[in-house]
Each structure stands twice: as structure tokens, then as C-alpha cells.
Amino acid sequence: LVESGGGLVQAGGSLRLSCAASNRMTSNNGMGWFRRAPGKEREFV
């Protein structure tokens, strides 16, 4: 999995992240986003 689209934005702005998978996703799959802020644990997005 390869993410792209991150960067620096001002508060109130917008950003779109992409994640391309090397394999073919099927009806048995799900995909998601998690994040980890500085000094904090991973959280579901």
C-alpha cells in the first residue's frame, strides 16, 4: 500500500489522500485510514 497526498495546509483548508494497493481488492476486503498524532496513540479515522 502506498499513500500519497500529504502535506502542509492551513486550518480550514482541505487535502485529499490517496492509497493505491498492489493487489486487486475484492468484495471480501475493506480499506481504512488510521492516524498517529505526535505523542499520541494510533487512532481510527
All heavy atoms as atom14 arrays in JSON, in Angstrom:
{
  "sequence": "LVESGGGLVQAGGSLRLSCAASNRMTSNNGMGWFRRAPGKEREFV",
  "atom14_mask": [
    [1, 1, 1, 1, 1, 1, 1, 1, 0, 0, 0, 0, 0, 0],
    [1, 1, 1, 1, 1, 1, 1, 0, 0, 0, 0, 0, 0, 0],
    [1, 1, 1, 1, 1, 1, 1, 1, 1, 0, 0, 0, 0, 0],
    [1, 1, 1, 1, 1, 1, 0, 0, 0, 0, 0, 0, 0, 0],
    [1, 1, 1, 1, 0, 0, 0, 0, 0, 0, 0, 0, 0, 0],
    [1, 1, 1, 1, 0, 0, 0, 0, 0, 0, 0, 0, 0, 0],
    [1, 1, 1, 1, 0, 0, 0, 0, 0, 0, 0, 0, 0, 0],
    [1, 1, 1, 1, 1, 1, 1, 1, 0, 0, 0, 0, 0, 0],
    [1, 1, 1, 1, 1, 1, 1, 0, 0, 0, 0, 0, 0, 0],
    [1, 1, 1, 1, 1, 1, 1, 1, 1, 0, 0, 0, 0, 0],
    [1, 1, 1, 1, 1, 0, 0, 0, 0, 0, 0, 0, 0, 0],
    [1, 1, 1, 1, 0, 0, 0, 0, 0, 0, 0, 0, 0, 0],
    [1, 1, 1, 1, 0, 0, 0, 0, 0, 0, 0, 0, 0, 0],
    [1, 1, 1, 1, 1, 1, 0, 0, 0, 0, 0, 0, 0, 0],
    [1, 1, 1, 1, 1, 1, 1, 1, 0, 0, 0, 0, 0, 0],
    [1, 1, 1, 1, 1, 1, 1, 1, 1, 1, 1, 0, 0, 0],
    [1, 1, 1, 1, 1, 1, 1, 1, 0, 0, 0, 0, 0, 0],
    [1, 1, 1, 1, 1, 1, 0, 0, 0, 0, 0, 0, 0, 0],
    [1, 1, 1, 1, 1, 1, 0, 0, 0, 0, 0, 0, 0, 0],
    [1, 1, 1, 1, 1, 0, 0, 0, 0, 0, 0, 0, 0, 0],
    [1, 1, 1, 1, 1, 0, 0, 0, 0, 0, 0, 0, 0, 0],
    [1, 1, 1, 1, 1, 1, 0, 0, 0, 0, 0, 0, 0, 0],
    [1, 1, 1, 1, 1, 1, 1, 1, 0, 0, 0, 0, 0, 0],
    [1, 1, 1, 1, 1, 1, 1, 1, 1, 1, 1, 0, 0, 0],
    [1, 1, 1, 1, 1, 1, 1, 1, 0, 0, 0, 0, 0, 0],
    [1, 1, 1, 1, 1, 1, 1, 0, 0, 0, 0, 0, 0, 0],
    [1, 1, 1, 1, 1, 1, 0, 0, 0, 0, 0, 0, 0, 0],
    [1, 1, 1, 1, 1, 1, 1, 1, 0, 0, 0, 0, 0, 0],
    [1, 1, 1, 1, 1, 1, 1, 1, 0, 0, 0, 0, 0, 0],
    [1, 1, 1, 1, 0, 0, 0, 0, 0, 0, 0, 0, 0, 0],
    [1, 1, 1, 1, 1, 1, 1, 1, 0, 0, 0, 0, 0, 0],
    [1, 1, 1, 1, 0, 0, 0, 0, 0, 0, 0, 0, 0, 0],
    [1, 1, 1, 1, 1, 1, 1, 1, 1, 1, 1, 1, 1, 1],
    [1, 1, 1, 1, 1, 1, 1, 1, 1, 1, 1, 0, 0, 0],
    [1, 1, 1, 1, 1, 1, 1, 1, 1, 1, 1, 0, 0, 0],
    [1, 1, 1, 1, 1, 1, 1, 1, 1, 1, 1, 0, 0, 0],
    [1, 1, 1, 1, 1, 0, 0, 0, 0, 0, 0, 0, 0, 0],
    [1, 1, 1, 1, 1, 1, 1, 0, 0, 0, 0, 0, 0, 0],
    [1, 1, 1, 1, 0, 0, 0, 0, 0, 0, 0, 0, 0, 0],
    [1, 1, 1, 1, 1, 1, 1, 1, 1, 0, 0, 0, 0, 0],
    [1, 1, 1, 1, 1, 1, 1, 1, 1, 0, 0, 0, 0, 0],
    [1, 1, 1, 1, 1, 1, 1, 1, 1, 1, 1, 0, 0, 0],
    [1, 1, 1, 1, 1, 1, 1, 1, 1, 0, 0, 0, 0, 0],
    [1, 1, 1, 1, 1, 1, 1, 1, 1, 1, 1, 0, 0, 0],
    [1, 1, 1, 1, 1, 1, 1, 0, 0, 0, 0, 0, 0, 0]
  ],
  "atom14_positions": [
    [[0.85, -1.18, 0.0], [0.0, 0.0, 0.0], [0.88, 1.23, 0.0], [1.82, 1.33, 0.79], [-0.91, 0.02, 1.23], [-1.82, -1.19, 1.44], [-2.54, -1.07, 2.78], [-2.83, -1.3, 0.31], [0.0, 0.0, 0.0], [0.0, 0.0, 0.0], [0.0, 0.0, 0.0], [0.0, 0.0, 0.0], [0.0, 0.0, 0.0], [0.0, 0.0, 0.0]],
    [[0.57, 2.17, -0.87], [1.36, 3.38, -1.0], [0.46, 4.59, -0.86], [-0.43, 4.81, -1.69], [2.12, 3.44, -2.34], [2.94, 4.72, -2.42], [3.02, 2.23, -2.49], [0.0, 0.0, 0.0], [0.0, 0.0, 0.0], [0.0, 0.0, 0.0], [0.0, 0.0, 0.0], [0.0, 0.0, 0.0], [0.0, 0.0, 0.0], [0.0, 0.0, 0.0]],
    [[0.7, 5.39, 0.18], [-0.07, 6.6, 0.41], [0.58, 7.79, -0.28], [1.8, 7.83, -0.46], [-0.19, 6.92, 1.91], [-0.8, 5.82, 2.75], [0.24, 5.01, 3.48], [1.39, 4.91, 2.98], [-0.08, 4.48, 4.56], [0.0, 0.0, 0.0], [0.0, 0.0, 0.0], [0.0, 0.0, 0.0], [0.0, 0.0, 0.0], [0.0, 0.0, 0.0]],
    [[-0.24, 8.75, -0.63], [0.25, 9.99, -1.19], [-0.75, 11.1, -0.91], [-1.89, 10.84, -0.56], [0.49, 9.86, -2.7], [-0.72, 9.58, -3.39], [0.0, 0.0, 0.0], [0.0, 0.0, 0.0], [0.0, 0.0, 0.0], [0.0, 0.0, 0.0], [0.0, 0.0, 0.0], [0.0, 0.0, 0.0], [0.0, 0.0, 0.0], [0.0, 0.0, 0.0]],
    [[-0.3, 12.33, -1.06], [-1.18, 13.47, -0.91], [-1.02, 14.27, 0.36], [-1.69, 15.29, 0.55], [0.0, 0.0, 0.0], [0.0, 0.0, 0.0], [0.0, 0.0, 0.0], [0.0, 0.0, 0.0], [0.0, 0.0, 0.0], [0.0, 0.0, 0.0], [0.0, 0.0, 0.0], [0.0, 0.0, 0.0], [0.0, 0.0, 0.0], [0.0, 0.0, 0.0]],
    [[-0.16, 13.82, 1.25], [0.06, 14.55, 2.48], [0.79, 15.85, 2.23], [1.34, 16.08, 1.17], [0.0, 0.0, 0.0], [0.0, 0.0, 0.0], [0.0, 0.0, 0.0], [0.0, 0.0, 0.0], [0.0, 0.0, 0.0], [0.0, 0.0, 0.0], [0.0, 0.0, 0.0], [0.0, 0.0, 0.0], [0.0, 0.0, 0.0], [0.0, 0.0, 0.0]],
    [[0.78, 16.7, 3.24], [1.45, 17.97, 3.11], [1.09, 18.92, 4.22], [0.5, 18.54, 5.23], [0.0, 0.0, 0.0], [0.0, 0.0, 0.0], [0.0, 0.0, 0.0], [0.0, 0.0, 0.0], [0.0, 0.0, 0.0], [0.0, 0.0, 0.0], [0.0, 0.0, 0.0], [0.0, 0.0, 0.0], [0.0, 0.0, 0.0], [0.0, 0.0, 0.0]],
    [[1.44, 20.18, 4.03], [1.18, 21.24, 4.99], [0.04, 22.12, 4.5], [0.09, 22.62, 3.37], [2.44, 22.08, 5.2], [2.31, 23.33, 6.06], [1.97, 22.95, 7.5], [3.6, 24.13, 6.01], [0.0, 0.0, 0.0], [0.0, 0.0, 0.0], [0.0, 0.0, 0.0], [0.0, 0.0, 0.0], [0.0, 0.0, 0.0], [0.0, 0.0, 0.0]],
    [[-0.97, 22.28, 5.33], [-2.1, 23.14, 4.99], [-2.47, 24.0, 6.19], [-2.13, 23.68, 7.33], [-3.34, 22.33, 4.55], [-3.04, 21.53, 3.29], [-3.8, 21.4, 5.67], [0.0, 0.0, 0.0], [0.0, 0.0, 0.0], [0.0, 0.0, 0.0], [0.0, 0.0, 0.0], [0.0, 0.0, 0.0], [0.0, 0.0, 0.0], [0.0, 0.0, 0.0]],
    [[-3.16, 25.09, 5.92], [-3.64, 25.95, 6.99], [-4.96, 25.43, 7.53], [-5.71, 24.74, 6.84], [-3.81, 27.38, 6.49], [-2.51, 28.07, 6.13], [-2.72, 29.52, 5.75], [-3.76, 29.89, 5.22], [-1.72, 30.35, 6.04], [0.0, 0.0, 0.0], [0.0, 0.0, 0.0], [0.0, 0.0, 0.0], [0.0, 0.0, 0.0], [0.0, 0.0, 0.0]],
    [[-5.23, 25.77, 8.78], [-6.5, 25.4, 9.38], [-7.65, 25.89, 8.51], [-7.64, 27.02, 8.02], [-6.61, 25.97, 10.78], [0.0, 0.0, 0.0], [0.0, 0.0, 0.0], [0.0, 0.0, 0.0], [0.0, 0.0, 0.0], [0.0, 0.0, 0.0], [0.0, 0.0, 0.0], [0.0, 0.0, 0.0], [0.0, 0.0, 0.0], [0.0, 0.0, 0.0]],
    [[-8.64, 25.02, 8.32], [-9.77, 25.34, 7.47], [-9.59, 24.89, 6.04], [-10.54, 24.91, 5.26], [0.0, 0.0, 0.0], [0.0, 0.0, 0.0], [0.0, 0.0, 0.0], [0.0, 0.0, 0.0], [0.0, 0.0, 0.0], [0.0, 0.0, 0.0], [0.0, 0.0, 0.0], [0.0, 0.0, 0.0], [0.0, 0.0, 0.0], [0.0, 0.0, 0.0]],
    [[-8.39, 24.48, 5.7], [-8.1, 24.04, 4.36], [-8.48, 22.59, 4.14], [-9.01, 21.92, 5.02], [0.0, 0.0, 0.0], [0.0, 0.0, 0.0], [0.0, 0.0, 0.0], [0.0, 0.0, 0.0], [0.0, 0.0, 0.0], [0.0, 0.0, 0.0], [0.0, 0.0, 0.0], [0.0, 0.0, 0.0], [0.0, 0.0, 0.0], [0.0, 0.0, 0.0]],
    [[-8.19, 22.11, 2.94], [-8.56, 20.76, 2.54], [-7.38, 20.02, 1.96], [-6.43, 20.62, 1.44], [-9.69, 20.78, 1.51], [-10.86, 21.38, 2.03], [0.0, 0.0, 0.0], [0.0, 0.0, 0.0], [0.0, 0.0, 0.0], [0.0, 0.0, 0.0], [0.0, 0.0, 0.0], [0.0, 0.0, 0.0], [0.0, 0.0, 0.0], [0.0, 0.0, 0.0]],
    [[-7.47, 18.71, 2.03], [-6.43, 17.86, 1.5], [-7.06, 16.52, 1.15], [-7.97, 16.07, 1.84], [-5.33, 17.66, 2.54], [-3.92, 17.28, 2.09], [-3.34, 18.35, 1.19], [-3.04, 17.08, 3.32], [0.0, 0.0, 0.0], [0.0, 0.0, 0.0], [0.0, 0.0, 0.0], [0.0, 0.0, 0.0], [0.0, 0.0, 0.0], [0.0, 0.0, 0.0]],
    [[-6.59, 15.9, 0.08], [-7.06, 14.57, -0.27], [-5.89, 13.6, -0.3], [-4.9, 13.82, -1.0], [-7.76, 14.55, -1.63], [-8.43, 13.2, -1.92], [-9.17, 13.17, -3.22], [-8.28, 13.06, -4.37], [-8.63, 12.55, -5.55], [-9.86, 12.1, -5.73], [-7.76, 12.51, -6.54], [0.0, 0.0, 0.0], [0.0, 0.0, 0.0], [0.0, 0.0, 0.0]],
    [[-6.02, 12.54, 0.46], [-5.02, 11.49, 0.5], [-5.45, 10.34, -0.39], [-6.64, 10.03, -0.5], [-4.81, 10.98, 1.92], [-4.48, 12.01, 2.99], [-4.24, 11.3, 4.32], [-3.27, 12.84, 2.6], [0.0, 0.0, 0.0], [0.0, 0.0, 0.0], [0.0, 0.0, 0.0], [0.0, 0.0, 0.0], [0.0, 0.0, 0.0], [0.0, 0.0, 0.0]],
    [[-4.49, 9.7, -1.0], [-4.74, 8.53, -1.84], [-3.93, 7.35, -1.32], [-2.86, 7.53, -0.76], [-4.35, 8.8, -3.29], [-5.09, 9.87, -3.83], [0.0, 0.0, 0.0], [0.0, 0.0, 0.0], [0.0, 0.0, 0.0], [0.0, 0.0, 0.0], [0.0, 0.0, 0.0], [0.0, 0.0, 0.0], [0.0, 0.0, 0.0], [0.0, 0.0, 0.0]],
    [[-4.45, 6.17, -1.54], [-3.73, 4.95, -1.17], [-3.98, 3.92, -2.26], [-5.11, 3.48, -2.46], [-4.22, 4.43, 0.18], [-3.51, 2.83, 0.64], [0.0, 0.0, 0.0], [0.0, 0.0, 0.0], [0.0, 0.0, 0.0], [0.0, 0.0, 0.0], [0.0, 0.0, 0.0], [0.0, 0.0, 0.0], [0.0, 0.0, 0.0], [0.0, 0.0, 0.0]],
    [[-2.92, 3.55, -2.95], [-3.01, 2.58, -4.02], [-2.5, 1.22, -3.54], [-1.41, 1.13, -2.98], [-2.2, 3.04, -5.22], [0.0, 0.0, 0.0], [0.0, 0.0, 0.0], [0.0, 0.0, 0.0], [0.0, 0.0, 0.0], [0.0, 0.0, 0.0], [0.0, 0.0, 0.0], [0.0, 0.0, 0.0], [0.0, 0.0, 0.0], [0.0, 0.0, 0.0]],
    [[-3.29, 0.19, -3.78], [-2.93, -1.17, -3.39], [-2.34, -1.92, -4.57], [-2.79, -1.78, -5.71], [-4.15, -1.91, -2.86], [0.0, 0.0, 0.0], [0.0, 0.0, 0.0], [0.0, 0.0, 0.0], [0.0, 0.0, 0.0], [0.0, 0.0, 0.0], [0.0, 0.0, 0.0], [0.0, 0.0, 0.0], [0.0, 0.0, 0.0], [0.0, 0.0, 0.0]],
    [[-1.34, -2.73, -4.29], [-0.7, -3.51, -5.34], [-1.55, -4.68, -5.79], [-1.38, -5.17, -6.9], [0.66, -4.02, -4.86], [0.5, -4.9, -3.75], [0.0, 0.0, 0.0], [0.0, 0.0, 0.0], [0.0, 0.0, 0.0], [0.0, 0.0, 0.0], [0.0, 0.0, 0.0], [0.0, 0.0, 0.0], [0.0, 0.0, 0.0], [0.0, 0.0, 0.0]],
    [[-2.44, -5.13, -4.92], [-3.28, -6.27, -5.23], [-4.68, -5.82, -5.63], [-5.06, -4.67, -5.44], [-3.36, -7.22, -4.04], [-4.07, -6.58, -2.86], [-3.79, -5.44, -2.49], [-4.99, -7.33, -2.26], [0.0, 0.0, 0.0], [0.0, 0.0, 0.0], [0.0, 0.0, 0.0], [0.0, 0.0, 0.0], [0.0, 0.0, 0.0], [0.0, 0.0, 0.0]],
    [[-5.45, -6.76, -6.16], [-6.83, -6.48, -6.52], [-7.7, -6.62, -5.29], [-7.75, -7.68, -4.66], [-7.28, -7.43, -7.62], [-8.77, -7.37, -7.93], [-9.12, -8.28, -9.09], [-10.56, -8.45, -9.21], [-11.24, -9.44, -8.66], [-10.61, -10.37, -7.96], [-12.56, -9.52, -8.82], [0.0, 0.0, 0.0], [0.0, 0.0, 0.0], [0.0, 0.0, 0.0]],
    [[-8.39, -5.55, -4.94], [-9.34, -5.6, -3.84], [-10.61, -6.33, -4.31], [-11.04, -6.16, -5.45], [-9.69, -4.2, -3.37], [-8.52, -3.42, -2.76], [-7.97, -4.07, -1.16], [-6.46, -4.9, -1.66], [0.0, 0.0, 0.0], [0.0, 0.0, 0.0], [0.0, 0.0, 0.0], [0.0, 0.0, 0.0], [0.0, 0.0, 0.0], [0.0, 0.0, 0.0]],
    [[-11.17, -7.11, -3.41], [-12.36, -7.88, -3.74], [-13.48, -7.54, -2.78], [-13.33, -6.73, -1.88], [-12.08, -9.39, -3.68], [-11.96, -9.79, -2.31], [-10.79, -9.74, -4.41], [0.0, 0.0, 0.0], [0.0, 0.0, 0.0], [0.0, 0.0, 0.0], [0.0, 0.0, 0.0], [0.0, 0.0, 0.0], [0.0, 0.0, 0.0], [0.0, 0.0, 0.0]],
    [[-14.62, -8.21, -2.98], [-15.77, -7.99, -2.11], [-15.51, -8.46, -0.68], [-16.28, -8.14, 0.22], [-17.0, -8.7, -2.67], [-16.77, -10.1, -2.76], [0.0, 0.0, 0.0], [0.0, 0.0, 0.0], [0.0, 0.0, 0.0], [0.0, 0.0, 0.0], [0.0, 0.0, 0.0], [0.0, 0.0, 0.0], [0.0, 0.0, 0.0], [0.0, 0.0, 0.0]],
    [[-14.44, -9.19, -0.48], [-14.07, -9.67, 0.85], [-13.13, -8.71, 1.58], [-12.68, -9.0, 2.69], [-13.42, -11.04, 0.77], [-14.36, -12.09, 0.25], [-15.52, -12.14, 0.65], [-13.88, -12.94, -0.64], [0.0, 0.0, 0.0], [0.0, 0.0, 0.0], [0.0, 0.0, 0.0], [0.0, 0.0, 0.0], [0.0, 0.0, 0.0], [0.0, 0.0, 0.0]],
    [[-12.82, -7.6, 0.95], [-11.87, -6.64, 1.51], [-12.54, -5.37, 2.02], [-13.62, -4.99, 1.59], [-10.82, -6.24, 0.48], [-9.86, -7.35, 0.14], [-9.74, -7.73, -1.03], [-9.17, -7.88, 1.15], [0.0, 0.0, 0.0], [0.0, 0.0, 0.0], [0.0, 0.0, 0.0], [0.0, 0.0, 0.0], [0.0, 0.0, 0.0], [0.0, 0.0, 0.0]],
    [[-11.82, -4.74, 2.91], [-12.15, -3.39, 3.33], [-10.85, -2.61, 3.43], [-9.78, -3.19, 3.59], [0.0, 0.0, 0.0], [0.0, 0.0, 0.0], [0.0, 0.0, 0.0], [0.0, 0.0, 0.0], [0.0, 0.0, 0.0], [0.0, 0.0, 0.0], [0.0, 0.0, 0.0], [0.0, 0.0, 0.0], [0.0, 0.0, 0.0], [0.0, 0.0, 0.0]],
    [[-10.94, -1.31, 3.32], [-9.76, -0.47, 3.47], [-10.09, 0.68, 4.4], [-11.24, 1.12, 4.47], [-9.25, 0.04, 2.13], [-8.73, -1.05, 1.22], [-7.97, -0.44, -0.31], [-6.43, 0.22, 0.34], [0.0, 0.0, 0.0], [0.0, 0.0, 0.0], [0.0, 0.0, 0.0], [0.0, 0.0, 0.0], [0.0, 0.0, 0.0], [0.0, 0.0, 0.0]],
    [[-9.08, 1.13, 5.09], [-9.32, 2.18, 6.05], [-8.12, 3.07, 6.26], [-7.03, 2.84, 5.72], [0.0, 0.0, 0.0], [0.0, 0.0, 0.0], [0.0, 0.0, 0.0], [0.0, 0.0, 0.0], [0.0, 0.0, 0.0], [0.0, 0.0, 0.0], [0.0, 0.0, 0.0], [0.0, 0.0, 0.0], [0.0, 0.0, 0.0], [0.0, 0.0, 0.0]],
    [[-8.35, 4.11, 7.04], [-7.32, 5.06, 7.39], [-7.21, 5.16, 8.91], [-8.23, 5.25, 9.61], [-7.63, 6.45, 6.83], [-7.57, 6.53, 5.34], [-8.58, 6.35, 4.46], [-6.41, 6.84, 4.56], [-8.14, 6.51, 3.17], [-6.81, 6.82, 3.2], [-5.08, 7.13, 4.87], [-5.92, 7.08, 2.16], [-4.2, 7.38, 3.84], [-4.63, 7.36, 2.5]],
    [[-6.0, 5.14, 9.38], [-5.69, 5.4, 10.77], [-4.7, 6.56, 10.82], [-4.09, 6.9, 9.81], [-5.07, 4.17, 11.43], [-6.02, 3.02, 11.62], [-6.41, 2.23, 10.56], [-6.53, 2.73, 12.88], [-7.29, 1.18, 10.73], [-7.41, 1.68, 13.08], [-7.79, 0.9, 12.0], [0.0, 0.0, 0.0], [0.0, 0.0, 0.0], [0.0, 0.0, 0.0]],
    [[-4.55, 7.15, 11.97], [-3.57, 8.22, 12.1], [-2.91, 8.18, 13.46], [-3.47, 7.64, 14.42], [-4.22, 9.59, 11.87], [-5.22, 10.01, 12.94], [-5.9, 11.31, 12.55], [-6.83, 11.76, 13.57], [-7.64, 12.81, 13.42], [-7.63, 13.51, 12.29], [-8.46, 13.15, 14.41], [0.0, 0.0, 0.0], [0.0, 0.0, 0.0], [0.0, 0.0, 0.0]],
    [[-1.73, 8.74, 13.51], [-1.0, 8.83, 14.77], [-0.44, 10.23, 14.9], [0.43, 10.64, 14.14], [0.12, 7.8, 14.84], [0.81, 7.76, 16.18], [1.63, 6.51, 16.35], [2.14, 6.39, 17.7], [2.61, 5.27, 18.22], [2.64, 4.17, 17.5], [3.06, 5.27, 19.47], [0.0, 0.0, 0.0], [0.0, 0.0, 0.0], [0.0, 0.0, 0.0]],
    [[-0.97, 10.96, 15.87], [-0.52, 12.31, 16.13], [0.71, 12.28, 17.03], [0.94, 11.3, 17.75], [-1.63, 13.12, 16.8], [0.0, 0.0, 0.0], [0.0, 0.0, 0.0], [0.0, 0.0, 0.0], [0.0, 0.0, 0.0], [0.0, 0.0, 0.0], [0.0, 0.0, 0.0], [0.0, 0.0, 0.0], [0.0, 0.0, 0.0], [0.0, 0.0, 0.0]],
    [[1.51, 13.35, 17.02], [2.7, 13.39, 17.87], [2.37, 13.17, 19.34], [1.48, 13.83, 19.89], [3.25, 14.8, 17.64], [2.76, 15.17, 16.28], [1.39, 14.56, 16.19], [0.0, 0.0, 0.0], [0.0, 0.0, 0.0], [0.0, 0.0, 0.0], [0.0, 0.0, 0.0], [0.0, 0.0, 0.0], [0.0, 0.0, 0.0], [0.0, 0.0, 0.0]],
    [[3.04, 12.22, 19.95], [2.84, 11.94, 21.36], [1.56, 11.21, 21.7], [1.26, 11.05, 22.89], [0.0, 0.0, 0.0], [0.0, 0.0, 0.0], [0.0, 0.0, 0.0], [0.0, 0.0, 0.0], [0.0, 0.0, 0.0], [0.0, 0.0, 0.0], [0.0, 0.0, 0.0], [0.0, 0.0, 0.0], [0.0, 0.0, 0.0], [0.0, 0.0, 0.0]],
    [[0.82, 10.77, 20.7], [-0.44, 10.08, 20.95], [-0.44, 8.7, 20.3], [0.39, 8.4, 19.44], [-1.62, 10.9, 20.41], [-1.78, 12.26, 21.04], [-3.03, 12.96, 20.54], [-4.28, 12.24, 21.0], [-5.52, 12.96, 20.57], [0.0, 0.0, 0.0], [0.0, 0.0, 0.0], [0.0, 0.0, 0.0], [0.0, 0.0, 0.0], [0.0, 0.0, 0.0]],
    [[-1.37, 7.88, 20.74], [-1.5, 6.55, 20.18], [-2.25, 6.59, 18.85], [-2.92, 7.56, 18.52], [-2.24, 5.63, 21.16], [-1.48, 5.37, 22.46], [-2.2, 4.4, 23.36], [-3.37, 4.04, 23.07], [-1.6, 3.99, 24.36], [0.0, 0.0, 0.0], [0.0, 0.0, 0.0], [0.0, 0.0, 0.0], [0.0, 0.0, 0.0], [0.0, 0.0, 0.0]],
    [[-2.1, 5.53, 18.12], [-2.81, 5.38, 16.86], [-4.32, 5.44, 17.08], [-4.84, 4.91, 18.06], [-2.43, 4.03, 16.24], [-3.19, 3.65, 14.98], [-3.01, 2.15, 14.69], [-3.55, 1.34, 15.76], [-2.82, 0.65, 16.62], [-1.49, 0.64, 16.53], [-3.4, -0.06, 17.57], [0.0, 0.0, 0.0], [0.0, 0.0, 0.0], [0.0, 0.0, 0.0]],
    [[-5.03, 6.09, 16.18], [-6.48, 6.13, 16.26], [-7.11, 5.89, 14.9], [-6.55, 6.23, 13.85], [-6.97, 7.46, 16.85], [-6.73, 8.67, 15.97], [-7.38, 9.93, 16.51], [-8.28, 9.81, 17.38], [-6.99, 11.03, 16.08], [0.0, 0.0, 0.0], [0.0, 0.0, 0.0], [0.0, 0.0, 0.0], [0.0, 0.0, 0.0], [0.0, 0.0, 0.0]],
    [[-8.28, 5.32, 14.93], [-9.04, 5.05, 13.72], [-9.6, 6.35, 13.16], [-10.05, 7.22, 13.91], [-10.17, 4.08, 14.04], [-11.16, 3.91, 12.93], [-10.85, 3.15, 11.82], [-12.4, 4.51, 13.0], [-11.76, 2.99, 10.79], [-13.32, 4.35, 11.98], [-12.99, 3.59, 10.88], [0.0, 0.0, 0.0], [0.0, 0.0, 0.0], [0.0, 0.0, 0.0]],
    [[-9.6, 6.46, 11.83], [-10.15, 7.64, 11.17], [-11.41, 7.29, 10.38], [-12.47, 7.85, 10.61], [-9.11, 8.28, 10.23], [-9.73, 9.47, 9.49], [-7.88, 8.72, 11.02], [0.0, 0.0, 0.0], [0.0, 0.0, 0.0], [0.0, 0.0, 0.0], [0.0, 0.0, 0.0], [0.0, 0.0, 0.0], [0.0, 0.0, 0.0], [0.0, 0.0, 0.0]]
  ]
}
